[in-house]
C-alpha atoms as a PDB file:
ATOM      1  CA  UNK A   1     120.136  78.065 111.009  1.00  0.00           C
ATOM      2  CA  UNK A   2     117.517  80.268 112.863  1.00  0.00           C
ATOM      3  CA  UNK A   3     114.261  78.979 113.961  1.00  0.00           C
ATOM      4  CA  UNK A   4     111.150  80.962 114.436  1.00  0.00           C
ATOM      5  CA  UNK A   5     111.317  80.697 118.097  1.00  0.00           C
ATOM      6  CA  UNK A   6     114.942  82.323 118.071  1.00  0.00           C
ATOM      7  CA  UNK A   7     113.869  85.088 115.707  1.00  0.00           C
ATOM      8  CA  UNK A   8     110.847  86.040 118.062  1.00  0.00           C
ATOM      9  CA  UNK A   9     112.826  85.822 120.808  1.00  0.00           C
ATOM     10  CA  UNK A  10     115.351  88.455 119.254  1.00  0.00           C
ATOM     11  CA  UNK A  11     112.362  90.737 118.508  1.00  0.00           C
ATOM     12  CA  UNK A  12     110.938  90.760 122.144  1.00  0.00           C
ATOM     13  CA  UNK A  13     114.640  91.482 123.204  1.00  0.00           C
ATOM     14  CA  UNK A  14     114.886  94.483 120.698  1.00  0.00           C
ATOM     15  CA  UNK A  15     111.636  95.654 121.680  1.00  0.00           C
ATOM     16  CA  UNK A  16     112.019  95.580 125.542  1.00  0.00           C
ATOM     17  CA  UNK A  17     115.612  97.228 125.146  1.00  0.00           C
ATOM     18  CA  UNK A  18     113.997  99.932 122.988  1.00  0.00           C
ATOM     19  CA  UNK A  19     111.141 100.471 125.511  1.00  0.00           C
ATOM     20  CA  UNK A  20     113.529 100.611 128.322  1.00  0.00           C
ATOM     21  CA  UNK A  21     115.464 103.560 126.773  1.00  0.00           C
ATOM     22  CA  UNK A  22     112.225 105.444 125.872  1.00  0.00           C
ATOM     23  CA  UNK A  23     110.980 105.231 129.442  1.00  0.00           C
ATOM     24  CA  UNK A  24     113.973 107.531 130.633  1.00  0.00           C
ATOM     25  CA  UNK A  25     112.593 110.443 128.170  1.00  0.00           C
ATOM     26  CA  UNK A  26     109.185 110.381 129.257  1.00  0.00           C
ATOM     27  CA  UNK A  27     108.509 114.172 129.196  1.00  0.00           C
ATOM     28  CA  UNK A  28     108.533 114.053 125.225  1.00  0.00           C
ATOM     29  CA  UNK A  29     105.822 112.560 123.220  1.00  0.00           C
ATOM     30  CA  UNK A  30     106.376 109.117 121.600  1.00  0.00           C
ATOM     31  CA  UNK A  31     106.342 108.614 117.804  1.00  0.00           C
ATOM     32  CA  UNK A  32     105.481 104.905 117.514  1.00  0.00           C
ATOM     33  CA  UNK A  33     105.732 102.654 114.322  1.00  0.00           C
ATOM     34  CA  UNK A  34     103.876  99.663 113.454  1.00  0.00           C
ATOM     35  CA  UNK A  35     104.387  97.613 110.486  1.00  0.00           C
ATOM     36  CA  UNK A  36     102.064  95.171 109.014  1.00  0.00           C
ATOM     37  CA  UNK A  37     102.507  93.032 105.878  1.00  0.00           C
ATOM     38  CA  UNK A  38     100.198  95.748 104.143  1.00  0.00           C
ATOM     39  CA  UNK A  39     100.086  98.934 105.658  1.00  0.00           C
ATOM     40  CA  UNK A  40     102.224 100.994 108.057  1.00  0.00           C
ATOM     41  CA  UNK A  41     101.022 103.004 110.846  1.00  0.00           C
ATOM     42  CA  UNK A  42     102.478 105.950 112.780  1.00  0.00           C
ATOM     43  CA  UNK A  43     101.256 107.358 116.142  1.00  0.00           C
ATOM     44  CA  UNK A  44     102.167 110.436 118.099  1.00  0.00           C
ATOM     45  CA  UNK A  45     101.516 109.443 121.823  1.00  0.00           C
ATOM     46  CA  UNK A  46     101.697 111.377 124.802  1.00  0.00           C
ATOM     47  CA  UNK A  47     102.591 108.846 127.530  1.00  0.00           C
ATOM     48  CA  UNK A  48     101.920 111.171 130.630  1.00  0.00           C
ATOM     49  CA  UNK A  49      98.358 111.086 129.890  1.00  0.00           C
ATOM     50  CA  UNK A  50      98.219 107.992 127.826  1.00  0.00           C
ATOM     51  CA  UNK A  51      96.469 109.706 124.861  1.00  0.00           C
ATOM     52  CA  UNK A  52      97.188 109.300 121.305  1.00  0.00           C
ATOM     53  CA  UNK A  53      97.819 112.625 119.903  1.00  0.00           C
ATOM     54  CA  UNK A  54      98.194 112.044 116.014  1.00  0.00           C
ATOM     55  CA  UNK A  55      97.798 108.929 114.130  1.00  0.00           C
ATOM     56  CA  UNK A  56      97.999 108.241 110.467  1.00  0.00           C
ATOM     57  CA  UNK A  57      98.512 105.069 107.826  1.00  0.00           C
ATOM     58  CA  UNK A  58      98.812 103.971 104.663  1.00  0.00           C
ATOM     59  CA  UNK A  59      95.342 102.718 104.298  1.00  0.00           C
ATOM     60  CA  UNK A  60      94.086 105.567 102.404  1.00  0.00           C
ATOM     61  CA  UNK A  61      93.285 105.222  98.816  1.00  0.00           C
ATOM     62  CA  UNK A  62      95.457 108.057  97.726  1.00  0.00           C
ATOM     63  CA  UNK A  63      98.599 106.185  99.490  1.00  0.00           C
ATOM     64  CA  UNK A  64      97.812 102.981  97.889  1.00  0.00           C
ATOM     65  CA  UNK A  65      98.517 104.177  94.495  1.00  0.00           C
ATOM     66  CA  UNK A  66     101.799 105.334  95.554  1.00  0.00           C
ATOM     67  CA  UNK A  67     105.077 103.437  95.450  1.00  0.00           C
ATOM     68  CA  UNK A  68     106.137 101.831  99.075  1.00  0.00           C
ATOM     69  CA  UNK A  69     108.759 104.359  99.257  1.00  0.00           C
ATOM     70  CA  UNK A  70     106.823 107.250  98.499  1.00  0.00           C
ATOM     71  CA  UNK A  71     103.728 106.253 100.575  1.00  0.00           C
ATOM     72  CA  UNK A  72     106.215 106.181 103.623  1.00  0.00           C
ATOM     73  CA  UNK A  73     107.626 109.478 103.188  1.00  0.00           C
ATOM     74  CA  UNK A  74     104.330 111.219 102.585  1.00  0.00           C
ATOM     75  CA  UNK A  75     103.008 109.587 105.653  1.00  0.00           C
ATOM     76  CA  UNK A  76     106.002 110.961 107.607  1.00  0.00           C
ATOM     77  CA  UNK A  77     105.409 114.480 106.107  1.00  0.00           C
ATOM     78  CA  UNK A  78     101.882 114.273 107.094  1.00  0.00           C
ATOM     79  CA  UNK A  79     102.608 113.334 110.833  1.00  0.00           C
ATOM     80  CA  UNK A  80     105.580 115.727 111.142  1.00  0.00           C
ATOM     81  CA  UNK A  81     103.096 118.865 109.640  1.00  0.00           C
ATOM     82  CA  UNK A  82     100.633 117.965 112.289  1.00  0.00           C
ATOM     83  CA  UNK A  83     103.013 117.654 114.991  1.00  0.00           C
ATOM     84  CA  UNK A  84     104.570 120.813 114.241  1.00  0.00           C
ATOM     85  CA  UNK A  85     101.146 122.400 114.319  1.00  0.00           C
ATOM     86  CA  UNK A  86     100.333 121.110 117.522  1.00  0.00           C
ATOM     87  CA  UNK A  87     103.597 122.489 118.735  1.00  0.00           C
ATOM     88  CA  UNK A  88     105.667 119.147 119.118  1.00  0.00           C
ATOM     89  CA  UNK A  89     109.078 119.635 118.033  1.00  0.00           C
ATOM     90  CA  UNK A  90     110.909 117.062 120.045  1.00  0.00           C
ATOM     91  CA  UNK A  91     109.923 113.499 120.426  1.00  0.00           C
ATOM     92  CA  UNK A  92     111.461 110.008 121.007  1.00  0.00           C
ATOM     93  CA  UNK A  93     111.272 107.669 118.379  1.00  0.00           C
ATOM     94  CA  UNK A  94     109.658 104.026 119.127  1.00  0.00           C
ATOM     95  CA  UNK A  95     110.320 101.608 116.222  1.00  0.00           C
ATOM     96  CA  UNK A  96     109.313  98.791 118.480  1.00  0.00           C
ATOM     97  CA  UNK A  97     110.818  95.424 117.517  1.00  0.00           C
ATOM     98  CA  UNK A  98     111.712  96.478 114.014  1.00  0.00           C
ATOM     99  CA  UNK A  99     115.340  97.066 112.995  1.00  0.00           C
ATOM    100  CA  UNK A 100     116.573 100.560 111.951  1.00  0.00           C
ATOM    101  CA  UNK A 101     116.715  99.997 108.075  1.00  0.00           C
ATOM    102  CA  UNK A 102     114.358 100.175 105.353  1.00  0.00           C
ATOM    103  CA  UNK A 103     110.881 101.708 106.056  1.00  0.00           C
ATOM    104  CA  UNK A 104     111.855 102.417 109.703  1.00  0.00           C
ATOM    105  CA  UNK A 105     114.922 104.503 108.780  1.00  0.00           C
ATOM    106  CA  UNK A 106     113.029 106.314 105.944  1.00  0.00           C
ATOM    107  CA  UNK A 107     110.343 107.386 108.316  1.00  0.00           C
ATOM    108  CA  UNK A 108     112.816 108.564 111.037  1.00  0.00           C
ATOM    109  CA  UNK A 109     114.868 110.741 108.350  1.00  0.00           C
ATOM    110  CA  UNK A 110     111.699 112.272 106.841  1.00  0.00           C
ATOM    111  CA  UNK A 111     110.639 113.264 110.346  1.00  0.00           C
ATOM    112  CA  UNK A 112     114.046 114.934 110.948  1.00  0.00           C
ATOM    113  CA  UNK A 113     113.837 116.717 107.521  1.00  0.00           C
ATOM    114  CA  UNK A 114     110.471 117.971 108.519  1.00  0.00           C
ATOM    115  CA  UNK A 115     111.632 119.500 111.665  1.00  0.00           C
ATOM    116  CA  UNK A 116     111.193 116.853 114.633  1.00  0.00           C
ATOM    117  CA  UNK A 117     113.812 116.172 116.632  1.00  0.00           C
ATOM    118  CA  UNK A 118     114.453 112.575 117.560  1.00  0.00           C
END
């Protein structure tokens, strides 16, 4: 049986593995995903100047009325539209310590649909 300690260790290892791969492509902006129990946050970050270019979350009242799957796709669409307006067509997807399935996968697929190359 997996204990909480081994689960946390696995998450930290996954996060470090992903971040090391992201650092090799530092010229592109980074699309970072954070999931809490209640909300999802997405940021587009320029690591060269260490600034957040675009950010959005599911905290808005309009988003709360939608089912979770629709909330995520609407959030990813909004981020992608803003990124394209600002001239960002290529980015690096930073999923943090989260596995690539469910909400994280839906975000990545929607960003690709909207024209962002990940």
